[in-house]
Amino acid sequence: MSKEKDTQEQFLKAKKKVYNIKVFYIHLVGYSIVVALLLYNLYIMAGPHKEFFFWFDIIILAAWSVFIFVHGWHVFKGRIVFKKSWEERKMKEFINKEDTKRWE
């Protein structure tokens, strides 16, 4: 019974991780679209309120950039993409691949 419970807990944790990653990527897509629109707005801006909207857009870009960074950090728990263990694993993989290609 305990083994089934552990398996179920692992499944729920994995499901939660996948959901968090999915939500982060949706957030990232929305962020990218809004950034493109704000940059376009900065490009075409004209008129008497140009300075206000310039700073308003810059503040939104800066704040949302910080939020997307914090969200990504929370989802990936500060994991670095290319850790030392990843480098070693890839080197071993390429060495093994090279060894299998030799005809000696």
PDB file of N, CA and C in Angstrom:
ATOM      1  N   MET A   1       0.821  -1.190   0.000  1.00  0.00           N
ATOM      2  CA  MET A   1       0.000   0.000   0.000  1.00  0.00           C
ATOM      3  C   MET A   1       0.867   1.257   0.000  1.00  0.00           C
ATOM      4  N   SER A   2       1.971   1.213   0.717  1.00  0.00           N
ATOM      5  CA  SER A   2       2.854   2.373   0.805  1.00  0.00           C
ATOM      6  C   SER A   2       3.506   2.680  -0.540  1.00  0.00           C
ATOM      7  N   LYS A   3       3.822   1.610  -1.266  1.00  0.00           N
ATOM      8  CA  LYS A   3       4.456   1.792  -2.573  1.00  0.00           C
ATOM      9  C   LYS A   3       3.503   2.490  -3.544  1.00  0.00           C
ATOM     10  N   GLU A   4       2.230   2.116  -3.497  1.00  0.00           N
ATOM     11  CA  GLU A   4       1.235   2.761  -4.352  1.00  0.00           C
ATOM     12  C   GLU A   4       1.069   4.230  -3.981  1.00  0.00           C
ATOM     13  N   LYS A   5       1.101   4.505  -2.685  1.00  0.00           N
ATOM     14  CA  LYS A   5       0.960   5.888  -2.220  1.00  0.00           C
ATOM     15  C   LYS A   5       2.154   6.729  -2.669  1.00  0.00           C
ATOM     16  N   ASP A   6       3.373   6.158  -2.578  1.00  0.00           N
ATOM     17  CA  ASP A   6       4.563   6.869  -3.040  1.00  0.00           C
ATOM     18  C   ASP A   6       4.499   7.137  -4.533  1.00  0.00           C
ATOM     19  N   THR A   7       4.048   6.145  -5.289  1.00  0.00           N
ATOM     20  CA  THR A   7       3.912   6.309  -6.733  1.00  0.00           C
ATOM     21  C   THR A   7       2.897   7.388  -7.064  1.00  0.00           C
ATOM     22  N   GLN A   8       1.800   7.394  -6.325  1.00  0.00           N
ATOM     23  CA  GLN A   8       0.766   8.412  -6.557  1.00  0.00           C
ATOM     24  C   GLN A   8       1.288   9.807  -6.202  1.00  0.00           C
ATOM     25  N   GLU A   9       2.042   9.930  -5.112  1.00  0.00           N
ATOM     26  CA  GLU A   9       2.619  11.220  -4.727  1.00  0.00           C
ATOM     27  C   GLU A   9       3.620  11.700  -5.774  1.00  0.00           C
ATOM     28  N   GLN A  10       4.438  10.788  -6.281  1.00  0.00           N
ATOM     29  CA  GLN A  10       5.393  11.155  -7.326  1.00  0.00           C
ATOM     30  C   GLN A  10       4.667  11.613  -8.578  1.00  0.00           C
ATOM     31  N   PHE A  11       3.586  10.925  -8.918  1.00  0.00           N
ATOM     32  CA  PHE A  11       2.801  11.310 -10.087  1.00  0.00           C
ATOM     33  C   PHE A  11       2.215  12.706  -9.906  1.00  0.00           C
ATOM     34  N   LEU A  12       1.675  12.998  -8.718  1.00  0.00           N
ATOM     35  CA  LEU A  12       1.095  14.324  -8.462  1.00  0.00           C
ATOM     36  C   LEU A  12       2.157  15.423  -8.490  1.00  0.00           C
ATOM     37  N   LYS A  13       3.347  15.129  -7.952  1.00  0.00           N
ATOM     38  CA  LYS A  13       4.442  16.114  -8.003  1.00  0.00           C
ATOM     39  C   LYS A  13       4.863  16.370  -9.444  1.00  0.00           C
ATOM     40  N   ALA A  14       4.995  15.302 -10.215  1.00  0.00           N
ATOM     41  CA  ALA A  14       5.382  15.451 -11.619  1.00  0.00           C
ATOM     42  C   ALA A  14       4.319  16.226 -12.388  1.00  0.00           C
ATOM     43  N   LYS A  15       3.058  15.949 -12.114  1.00  0.00           N
ATOM     44  CA  LYS A  15       1.964  16.654 -12.782  1.00  0.00           C
ATOM     45  C   LYS A  15       1.990  18.138 -12.443  1.00  0.00           C
ATOM     46  N   LYS A  16       2.279  18.463 -11.178  1.00  0.00           N
ATOM     47  CA  LYS A  16       2.361  19.864 -10.757  1.00  0.00           C
ATOM     48  C   LYS A  16       3.531  20.571 -11.428  1.00  0.00           C
ATOM     49  N   LYS A  17       4.675  19.883 -11.550  1.00  0.00           N
ATOM     50  CA  LYS A  17       5.842  20.474 -12.217  1.00  0.00           C
ATOM     51  C   LYS A  17       5.537  20.765 -13.685  1.00  0.00           C
ATOM     52  N   VAL A  18       4.922  19.802 -14.342  1.00  0.00           N
ATOM     53  CA  VAL A  18       4.573  19.990 -15.762  1.00  0.00           C
ATOM     54  C   VAL A  18       3.599  21.152 -15.916  1.00  0.00           C
ATOM     55  N   TYR A  19       2.623  21.245 -15.025  1.00  0.00           N
ATOM     56  CA  TYR A  19       1.662  22.346 -15.068  1.00  0.00           C
ATOM     57  C   TYR A  19       2.364  23.692 -14.867  1.00  0.00           C
ATOM     58  N   ASN A  20       3.280  23.759 -13.898  1.00  0.00           N
ATOM     59  CA  ASN A  20       4.005  25.008 -13.647  1.00  0.00           C
ATOM     60  C   ASN A  20       4.857  25.419 -14.844  1.00  0.00           C
ATOM     61  N   ILE A  21       5.499  24.454 -15.477  1.00  0.00           N
ATOM     62  CA  ILE A  21       6.305  24.759 -16.662  1.00  0.00           C
ATOM     63  C   ILE A  21       5.401  25.229 -17.799  1.00  0.00           C
ATOM     64  N   LYS A  22       4.255  24.584 -17.971  1.00  0.00           N
ATOM     65  CA  LYS A  22       3.306  24.970 -19.014  1.00  0.00           C
ATOM     66  C   LYS A  22       2.823  26.405 -18.796  1.00  0.00           C
ATOM     67  N   VAL A  23       2.468  26.741 -17.561  1.00  0.00           N
ATOM     68  CA  VAL A  23       2.000  28.089 -17.250  1.00  0.00           C
ATOM     69  C   VAL A  23       3.114  29.102 -17.483  1.00  0.00           C
ATOM     70  N   PHE A  24       4.355  28.740 -17.151  1.00  0.00           N
ATOM     71  CA  PHE A  24       5.469  29.652 -17.390  1.00  0.00           C
ATOM     72  C   PHE A  24       5.623  29.938 -18.882  1.00  0.00           C
ATOM     73  N   TYR A  25       5.553  28.906 -19.716  1.00  0.00           N
ATOM     74  CA  TYR A  25       5.703  29.117 -21.156  1.00  0.00           C
ATOM     75  C   TYR A  25       4.552  29.947 -21.730  1.00  0.00           C
ATOM     76  N   ILE A  26       3.345  29.756 -21.210  1.00  0.00           N
ATOM     77  CA  ILE A  26       2.223  30.597 -21.638  1.00  0.00           C
ATOM     78  C   ILE A  26       2.487  32.048 -21.227  1.00  0.00           C
ATOM     79  N   HIS A  27       2.978  32.232 -20.008  1.00  0.00           N
ATOM     80  CA  HIS A  27       3.340  33.560 -19.518  1.00  0.00           C
ATOM     81  C   HIS A  27       4.424  34.179 -20.403  1.00  0.00           C
ATOM     82  N   LEU A  28       5.396  33.382 -20.799  1.00  0.00           N
ATOM     83  CA  LEU A  28       6.490  33.866 -21.649  1.00  0.00           C
ATOM     84  C   LEU A  28       5.982  34.285 -23.028  1.00  0.00           C
ATOM     85  N   VAL A  29       5.044  33.538 -23.589  1.00  0.00           N
ATOM     86  CA  VAL A  29       4.469  33.897 -24.889  1.00  0.00           C
ATOM     87  C   VAL A  29       3.694  35.205 -24.773  1.00  0.00           C
ATOM     88  N   GLY A  30       2.870  35.324 -23.737  1.00  0.00           N
ATOM     89  CA  GLY A  30       2.131  36.571 -23.517  1.00  0.00           C
ATOM     90  C   GLY A  30       3.063  37.748 -23.319  1.00  0.00           C
ATOM     91  N   TYR A  31       4.124  37.526 -22.561  1.00  0.00           N
ATOM     92  CA  TYR A  31       5.134  38.566 -22.344  1.00  0.00           C
ATOM     93  C   TYR A  31       5.761  38.995 -23.668  1.00  0.00           C
ATOM     94  N   SER A  32       6.100  38.039 -24.502  1.00  0.00           N
ATOM     95  CA  SER A  32       6.723  38.358 -25.791  1.00  0.00           C
ATOM     96  C   SER A  32       5.790  39.186 -26.675  1.00  0.00           C
ATOM     97  N   ILE A  33       4.522  38.832 -26.688  1.00  0.00           N
ATOM     98  CA  ILE A  33       3.551  39.575 -27.501  1.00  0.00           C
ATOM     99  C   ILE A  33       3.401  40.999 -26.979  1.00  0.00           C
ATOM    100  N   VAL A  34       3.256  41.144 -25.667  1.00  0.00           N
ATOM    101  CA  VAL A  34       3.088  42.481 -25.087  1.00  0.00           C
ATOM    102  C   VAL A  34       4.348  43.321 -25.278  1.00  0.00           C
ATOM    103  N   VAL A  35       5.519  42.721 -25.140  1.00  0.00           N
ATOM    104  CA  VAL A  35       6.765  43.463 -25.357  1.00  0.00           C
ATOM    105  C   VAL A  35       6.834  43.957 -26.800  1.00  0.00           C
ATOM    106  N   ALA A  36       6.462  43.106 -27.745  1.00  0.00           N
ATOM    107  CA  ALA A  36       6.470  43.530 -29.154  1.00  0.00           C
ATOM    108  C   ALA A  36       5.513  44.697 -29.370  1.00  0.00           C
ATOM    109  N   LEU A  37       4.326  44.624 -28.782  1.00  0.00           N
ATOM    110  CA  LEU A  37       3.360  45.714 -28.928  1.00  0.00           C
ATOM    111  C   LEU A  37       3.835  47.006 -28.256  1.00  0.00           C
ATOM    112  N   LEU A  38       4.439  46.884 -27.082  1.00  0.00           N
ATOM    113  CA  LEU A  38       4.948  48.075 -26.400  1.00  0.00           C
ATOM    114  C   LEU A  38       6.115  48.702 -27.161  1.00  0.00           C
ATOM    115  N   LEU A  39       6.980  47.868 -27.708  1.00  0.00           N
ATOM    116  CA  LEU A  39       8.085  48.411 -28.502  1.00  0.00           C
ATOM    117  C   LEU A  39       7.567  49.095 -29.766  1.00  0.00           C
ATOM    118  N   TYR A  40       6.543  48.531 -30.371  1.00  0.00           N
ATOM    119  CA  TYR A  40       5.927  49.171 -31.531  1.00  0.00           C
ATOM    120  C   TYR A  40       5.298  50.504 -31.116  1.00  0.00           C
ATOM    121  N   ASN A  41       4.646  50.519 -29.961  1.00  0.00           N
ATOM    122  CA  ASN A  41       4.054  51.743 -29.442  1.00  0.00           C
ATOM    123  C   ASN A  41       5.133  52.810 -29.204  1.00  0.00           C
ATOM    124  N   LEU A  42       6.271  52.397 -28.678  1.00  0.00           N
ATOM    125  CA  LEU A  42       7.370  53.351 -28.477  1.00  0.00           C
ATOM    126  C   LEU A  42       7.863  53.903 -29.814  1.00  0.00           C
ATOM    127  N   TYR A  43       7.839  53.060 -30.838  1.00  0.00           N
ATOM    128  CA  TYR A  43       8.324  53.459 -32.162  1.00  0.00           C
ATOM    129  C   TYR A  43       7.392  54.475 -32.821  1.00  0.00           C
ATOM    130  N   ILE A  44       6.075  54.300 -32.693  1.00  0.00           N
ATOM    131  CA  ILE A  44       5.133  55.168 -33.407  1.00  0.00           C
ATOM    132  C   ILE A  44       4.612  56.325 -32.565  1.00  0.00           C
ATOM    133  N   MET A  45       5.080  56.447 -31.347  1.00  0.00           N
ATOM    134  CA  MET A  45       4.545  57.433 -30.422  1.00  0.00           C
ATOM    135  C   MET A  45       4.772  58.865 -30.918  1.00  0.00           C
ATOM    136  N   ALA A  46       3.726  59.658 -30.789  1.00  0.00           N
ATOM    137  CA  ALA A  46       3.812  61.076 -31.136  1.00  0.00           C
ATOM    138  C   ALA A  46       2.720  61.817 -30.371  1.00  0.00           C
ATOM    139  N   GLY A  47       2.835  63.106 -30.296  1.00  0.00           N
ATOM    140  CA  GLY A  47       1.786  63.898 -29.656  1.00  0.00           C
ATOM    141  C   GLY A  47       2.249  64.515 -28.349  1.00  0.00           C
ATOM    142  N   PRO A  48       1.317  65.230 -27.712  1.00  0.00           N
ATOM    143  CA  PRO A  48       1.685  65.986 -26.513  1.00  0.00           C
ATOM    144  C   PRO A  48       1.970  65.105 -25.289  1.00  0.00           C
ATOM    145  N   HIS A  49       1.464  63.909 -25.253  1.00  0.00           N
ATOM    146  CA  HIS A  49       1.650  63.033 -24.096  1.00  0.00           C
ATOM    147  C   HIS A  49       2.725  61.989 -24.343  1.00  0.00           C
ATOM    148  N   LYS A  50       3.584  62.254 -25.282  1.00  0.00           N
ATOM    149  CA  LYS A  50       4.613  61.295 -25.679  1.00  0.00           C
ATOM    150  C   LYS A  50       5.511  60.916 -24.502  1.00  0.00           C
ATOM    151  N   GLU A  51       5.935  61.899 -23.717  1.00  0.00           N
ATOM    152  CA  GLU A  51       6.862  61.624 -22.624  1.00  0.00           C
ATOM    153  C   GLU A  51       6.226  60.733 -21.551  1.00  0.00           C
ATOM    154  N   PHE A  52       4.954  61.006 -21.213  1.00  0.00           N
ATOM    155  CA  PHE A  52       4.266  60.176 -20.211  1.00  0.00           C
ATOM    156  C   PHE A  52       4.170  58.734 -20.670  1.00  0.00           C
ATOM    157  N   PHE A  53       3.723  58.515 -21.900  1.00  0.00           N
ATOM    158  CA  PHE A  53       3.560  57.146 -22.387  1.00  0.00           C
ATOM    159  C   PHE A  53       4.897  56.448 -22.592  1.00  0.00           C
ATOM    160  N   PHE A  54       5.929  57.219 -22.909  1.00  0.00           N
ATOM    161  CA  PHE A  54       7.262  56.634 -23.023  1.00  0.00           C
ATOM    162  C   PHE A  54       7.665  56.019 -21.688  1.00  0.00           C
ATOM    163  N   TRP A  55       7.560  56.776 -20.607  1.00  0.00           N
ATOM    164  CA  TRP A  55       7.946  56.262 -19.295  1.00  0.00           C
ATOM    165  C   TRP A  55       7.000  55.172 -18.808  1.00  0.00           C
ATOM    166  N   PHE A  56       5.730  55.301 -19.117  1.00  0.00           N
ATOM    167  CA  PHE A  56       4.753  54.284 -18.746  1.00  0.00           C
ATOM    168  C   PHE A  56       5.116  52.949 -19.392  1.00  0.00           C
ATOM    169  N   ASP A  57       5.438  52.965 -20.684  1.00  0.00           N
ATOM    170  CA  ASP A  57       5.816  51.745 -21.395  1.00  0.00           C
ATOM    171  C   ASP A  57       7.116  51.165 -20.849  1.00  0.00           C
ATOM    172  N   ILE A  58       8.079  52.026 -20.547  1.00  0.00           N
ATOM    173  CA  ILE A  58       9.358  51.556 -20.021  1.00  0.00           C
ATOM    174  C   ILE A  58       9.166  50.898 -18.656  1.00  0.00           C
ATOM    175  N   ILE A  59       8.332  51.498 -17.805  1.00  0.00           N
ATOM    176  CA  ILE A  59       8.082  50.925 -16.482  1.00  0.00           C
ATOM    177  C   ILE A  59       7.396  49.567 -16.616  1.00  0.00           C
ATOM    178  N   ILE A  60       6.424  49.451 -17.521  1.00  0.00           N
ATOM    179  CA  ILE A  60       5.753  48.160 -17.734  1.00  0.00           C
ATOM    180  C   ILE A  60       6.755  47.123 -18.232  1.00  0.00           C
ATOM    181  N   LEU A  61       7.598  47.494 -19.179  1.00  0.00           N
ATOM    182  CA  LEU A  61       8.601  46.558 -19.697  1.00  0.00           C
ATOM    183  C   LEU A  61       9.548  46.106 -18.591  1.00  0.00           C
ATOM    184  N   ALA A  62      10.038  47.025 -17.791  1.00  0.00           N
ATOM    185  CA  ALA A  62      10.978  46.675 -16.726  1.00  0.00           C
ATOM    186  C   ALA A  62      10.319  45.800 -15.665  1.00  0.00           C
ATOM    187  N   ALA A  63       9.127  46.187 -15.226  1.00  0.00           N
ATOM    188  CA  ALA A  63       8.453  45.422 -14.173  1.00  0.00           C
ATOM    189  C   ALA A  63       8.104  44.017 -14.650  1.00  0.00           C
ATOM    190  N   TRP A  64       7.554  43.901 -15.841  1.00  0.00           N
ATOM    191  CA  TRP A  64       7.164  42.584 -16.331  1.00  0.00           C
ATOM    192  C   TRP A  64       8.391  41.715 -16.597  1.00  0.00           C
ATOM    193  N   SER A  65       9.488  42.333 -17.011  1.00  0.00           N
ATOM    194  CA  SER A  65      10.720  41.575 -17.207  1.00  0.00           C
ATOM    195  C   SER A  65      11.193  40.981 -15.884  1.00  0.00           C
ATOM    196  N   VAL A  66      11.109  41.753 -14.819  1.00  0.00           N
ATOM    197  CA  VAL A  66      11.488  41.241 -13.499  1.00  0.00           C
ATOM    198  C   VAL A  66      10.546  40.113 -13.096  1.00  0.00           C
ATOM    199  N   PHE A  67       9.242  40.297 -13.297  1.00  0.00           N
ATOM    200  CA  PHE A  67       8.272  39.263 -12.934  1.00  0.00           C
ATOM    201  C   PHE A  67       8.483  37.980 -13.719  1.00  0.00           C
ATOM    202  N   ILE A  68       8.782  38.083 -15.011  1.00  0.00           N
ATOM    203  CA  ILE A  68       8.987  36.877 -15.817  1.00  0.00           C
ATOM    204  C   ILE A  68      10.266  36.164 -15.364  1.00  0.00           C
ATOM    205  N   PHE A  69      11.291  36.920 -14.980  1.00  0.00           N
ATOM    206  CA  PHE A  69      12.523  36.327 -14.464  1.00  0.00           C
ATOM    207  C   PHE A  69      12.252  35.586 -13.155  1.00  0.00           C
ATOM    208  N   VAL A  70      11.515  36.215 -12.246  1.00  0.00           N
ATOM    209  CA  VAL A  70      11.196  35.588 -10.957  1.00  0.00           C
ATOM    210  C   VAL A  70      10.323  34.349 -11.170  1.00  0.00           C
ATOM    211  N   HIS A  71       9.366  34.432 -12.078  1.00  0.00           N
ATOM    212  CA  HIS A  71       8.508  33.281 -12.369  1.00  0.00           C
ATOM    213  C   HIS A  71       9.344  32.118 -12.914  1.00  0.00           C
ATOM    214  N   GLY A  72      10.235  32.422 -13.849  1.00  0.00           N
ATOM    215  CA  GLY A  72      11.113  31.379 -14.396  1.00  0.00           C
ATOM    216  C   GLY A  72      12.022  30.791 -13.334  1.00  0.00           C
ATOM    217  N   TRP A  73      12.546  31.637 -12.460  1.00  0.00           N
ATOM    218  CA  TRP A  73      13.421  31.161 -11.382  1.00  0.00           C
ATOM    219  C   TRP A  73      12.638  30.232 -10.454  1.00  0.00           C
ATOM    220  N   HIS A  74      11.400  30.590 -10.157  1.00  0.00           N
ATOM    221  CA  HIS A  74      10.565  29.765  -9.280  1.00  0.00           C
ATOM    222  C   HIS A  74      10.230  28.420  -9.939  1.00  0.00           C
ATOM    223  N   VAL A  75       9.913  28.444 -11.206  1.00  0.00           N
ATOM    224  CA  VAL A  75       9.534  27.213 -11.903  1.00  0.00           C
ATOM    225  C   VAL A  75      10.724  26.277 -12.042  1.00  0.00           C
ATOM    226  N   PHE A  76      11.872  26.810 -12.418  1.00  0.00           N
ATOM    227  CA  PHE A  76      13.036  25.967 -12.653  1.00  0.00           C
ATOM    228  C   PHE A  76      13.956  25.868 -11.449  1.00  0.00           C
ATOM    229  N   LYS A  77      13.562  26.487 -10.338  1.00  0.00           N
ATOM    230  CA  LYS A  77      14.276  26.411  -9.055  1.00  0.00           C
ATOM    231  C   LYS A  77      15.748  26.805  -9.173  1.00  0.00           C
ATOM    232  N   GLY A  78      16.032  27.779 -10.001  1.00  0.00           N
ATOM    233  CA  GLY A  78      17.392  28.292 -10.114  1.00  0.00           C
ATOM    234  C   GLY A  78      18.352  27.361 -10.818  1.00  0.00           C
ATOM    235  N   ARG A  79      17.824  26.364 -11.509  1.00  0.00           N
ATOM    236  CA  ARG A  79      18.707  25.448 -12.225  1.00  0.00           C
ATOM    237  C   ARG A  79      19.405  26.178 -13.358  1.00  0.00           C
ATOM    238  N   ILE A  80      20.663  25.938 -13.473  1.00  0.00           N
ATOM    239  CA  ILE A  80      21.422  26.493 -14.588  1.00  0.00           C
ATOM    240  C   ILE A  80      21.305  25.515 -15.743  1.00  0.00           C
ATOM    241  N   VAL A  81      21.179  26.042 -16.934  1.00  0.00           N
ATOM    242  CA  VAL A  81      20.950  25.180 -18.095  1.00  0.00           C
ATOM    243  C   VAL A  81      22.119  24.222 -18.325  1.00  0.00           C
ATOM    244  N   PHE A  82      23.332  24.737 -18.275  1.00  0.00           N
ATOM    245  CA  PHE A  82      24.498  23.908 -18.574  1.00  0.00           C
ATOM    246  C   PHE A  82      25.320  23.701 -17.304  1.00  0.00           C
ATOM    247  N   LYS A  83      24.868  22.767 -16.473  1.00  0.00           N
ATOM    248  CA  LYS A  83      25.603  22.444 -15.258  1.00  0.00           C
ATOM    249  C   LYS A  83      26.811  21.599 -15.608  1.00  0.00           C
ATOM    250  N   LYS A  84      27.713  21.467 -14.650  1.00  0.00           N
ATOM    251  CA  LYS A  84      28.912  20.664 -14.846  1.00  0.00           C
ATOM    252  C   LYS A  84      28.537  19.202 -15.112  1.00  0.00           C
ATOM    253  N   SER A  85      27.530  18.706 -14.402  1.00  0.00           N
ATOM    254  CA  SER A  85      27.118  17.314 -14.612  1.00  0.00           C
ATOM    255  C   SER A  85      26.591  17.104 -16.030  1.00  0.00           C
ATOM    256  N   TRP A  86      25.907  18.116 -16.573  1.00  0.00           N
ATOM    257  CA  TRP A  86      25.408  18.024 -17.945  1.00  0.00           C
ATOM    258  C   TRP A  86      26.580  17.948 -18.914  1.00  0.00           C
ATOM    259  N   GLU A  87      27.615  18.789 -18.679  1.00  0.00           N
ATOM    260  CA  GLU A  87      28.777  18.787 -19.561  1.00  0.00           C
ATOM    261  C   GLU A  87      29.469  17.426 -19.537  1.00  0.00           C
ATOM    262  N   GLU A  88      29.646  16.881 -18.335  1.00  0.00           N
ATOM    263  CA  GLU A  88      30.307  15.580 -18.216  1.00  0.00           C
ATOM    264  C   GLU A  88      29.490  14.480 -18.885  1.00  0.00           C
ATOM    265  N   ARG A  89      28.181  14.507 -18.710  1.00  0.00           N
ATOM    266  CA  ARG A  89      27.306  13.493 -19.313  1.00  0.00           C
ATOM    267  C   ARG A  89      27.383  13.570 -20.845  1.00  0.00           C
ATOM    268  N   LYS A  90      27.372  14.778 -21.385  1.00  0.00           N
ATOM    269  CA  LYS A  90      27.451  14.937 -22.841  1.00  0.00           C
ATOM    270  C   LYS A  90      28.809  14.486 -23.364  1.00  0.00           C
ATOM    271  N   MET A  91      29.885  14.792 -22.643  1.00  0.00           N
ATOM    272  CA  MET A  91      31.214  14.363 -23.081  1.00  0.00           C
ATOM    273  C   MET A  91      31.293  12.838 -23.119  1.00  0.00           C
ATOM    274  N   LYS A  92      30.748  12.174 -22.087  1.00  0.00           N
ATOM    275  CA  LYS A  92      30.747  10.715 -22.070  1.00  0.00           C
ATOM    276  C   LYS A  92      29.915  10.157 -23.220  1.00  0.00           C
ATOM    277  N   GLU A  93      28.806  10.831 -23.498  1.00  0.00           N
ATOM    278  CA  GLU A  93      27.948  10.395 -24.596  1.00  0.00           C
ATOM    279  C   GLU A  93      28.687  10.477 -25.931  1.00  0.00           C
ATOM    280  N   PHE A  94      29.402  11.568 -26.160  1.00  0.00           N
ATOM    281  CA  PHE A  94      30.143  11.713 -27.415  1.00  0.00           C
ATOM    282  C   PHE A  94      31.325  10.746 -27.481  1.00  0.00           C
ATOM    283  N   ILE A  95      31.970  10.496 -26.358  1.00  0.00           N
ATOM    284  CA  ILE A  95      33.079   9.540 -26.339  1.00  0.00           C
ATOM    285  C   ILE A  95      32.560   8.149 -26.679  1.00  0.00           C
ATOM    286  N   ASN A  96      31.451   7.764 -26.069  1.00  0.00           N
ATOM    287  CA  ASN A  96      30.868   6.450 -26.361  1.00  0.00           C
ATOM    288  C   ASN A  96      30.413   6.355 -27.809  1.00  0.00           C
ATOM    289  N   LYS A  97      29.907   7.441 -28.336  1.00  0.00           N
ATOM    290  CA  LYS A  97      29.464   7.462 -29.727  1.00  0.00           C
ATOM    291  C   LYS A  97      30.663   7.283 -30.658  1.00  0.00           C
ATOM    292  N   GLU A  98      31.778   7.951 -30.336  1.00  0.00           N
ATOM    293  CA  GLU A  98      32.987   7.829 -31.141  1.00  0.00           C
ATOM    294  C   GLU A  98      33.540   6.404 -31.069  1.00  0.00           C
ATOM    295  N   ASP A  99      33.498   5.781 -29.886  1.00  0.00           N
ATOM    296  CA  ASP A  99      34.030   4.428 -29.715  1.00  0.00           C
ATOM    297  C   ASP A  99      33.238   3.410 -30.538  1.00  0.00           C
ATOM    298  N   THR A 100      31.962   3.609 -30.670  1.00  0.00           N
ATOM    299  CA  THR A 100      31.146   2.641 -31.416  1.00  0.00           C
ATOM    300  C   THR A 100      31.321   2.777 -32.923  1.00  0.00           C
ATOM    301  N   LYS A 101      31.825   3.909 -33.397  1.00  0.00           N
ATOM    302  CA  LYS A 101      31.983   4.109 -34.824  1.00  0.00           C
ATOM    303  C   LYS A 101      33.295   3.511 -35.359  1.00  0.00           C
ATOM    304  N   ARG A 102      34.245   3.245 -34.490  1.00  0.00           N
ATOM    305  CA  ARG A 102      35.535   2.727 -34.939  1.00  0.00           C
ATOM    306  C   ARG A 102      35.432   1.270 -35.378  1.00  0.00           C
ATOM    307  N   TRP A 103      36.216   0.909 -36.380  1.00  0.00           N
ATOM    308  CA  TRP A 103      36.197  -0.447 -36.919  1.00  0.00           C
ATOM    309  C   TRP A 103      37.410  -1.240 -36.512  1.00  0.00           C
ATOM    310  N   GLU A 104      38.149  -0.760 -35.601  1.00  0.00           N
ATOM    311  CA  GLU A 104      39.415  -1.393 -35.238  1.00  0.00           C
ATOM    312  C   GLU A 104      39.237  -2.711 -34.561  1.00  0.00           C
TER     313      GLU A 104
END
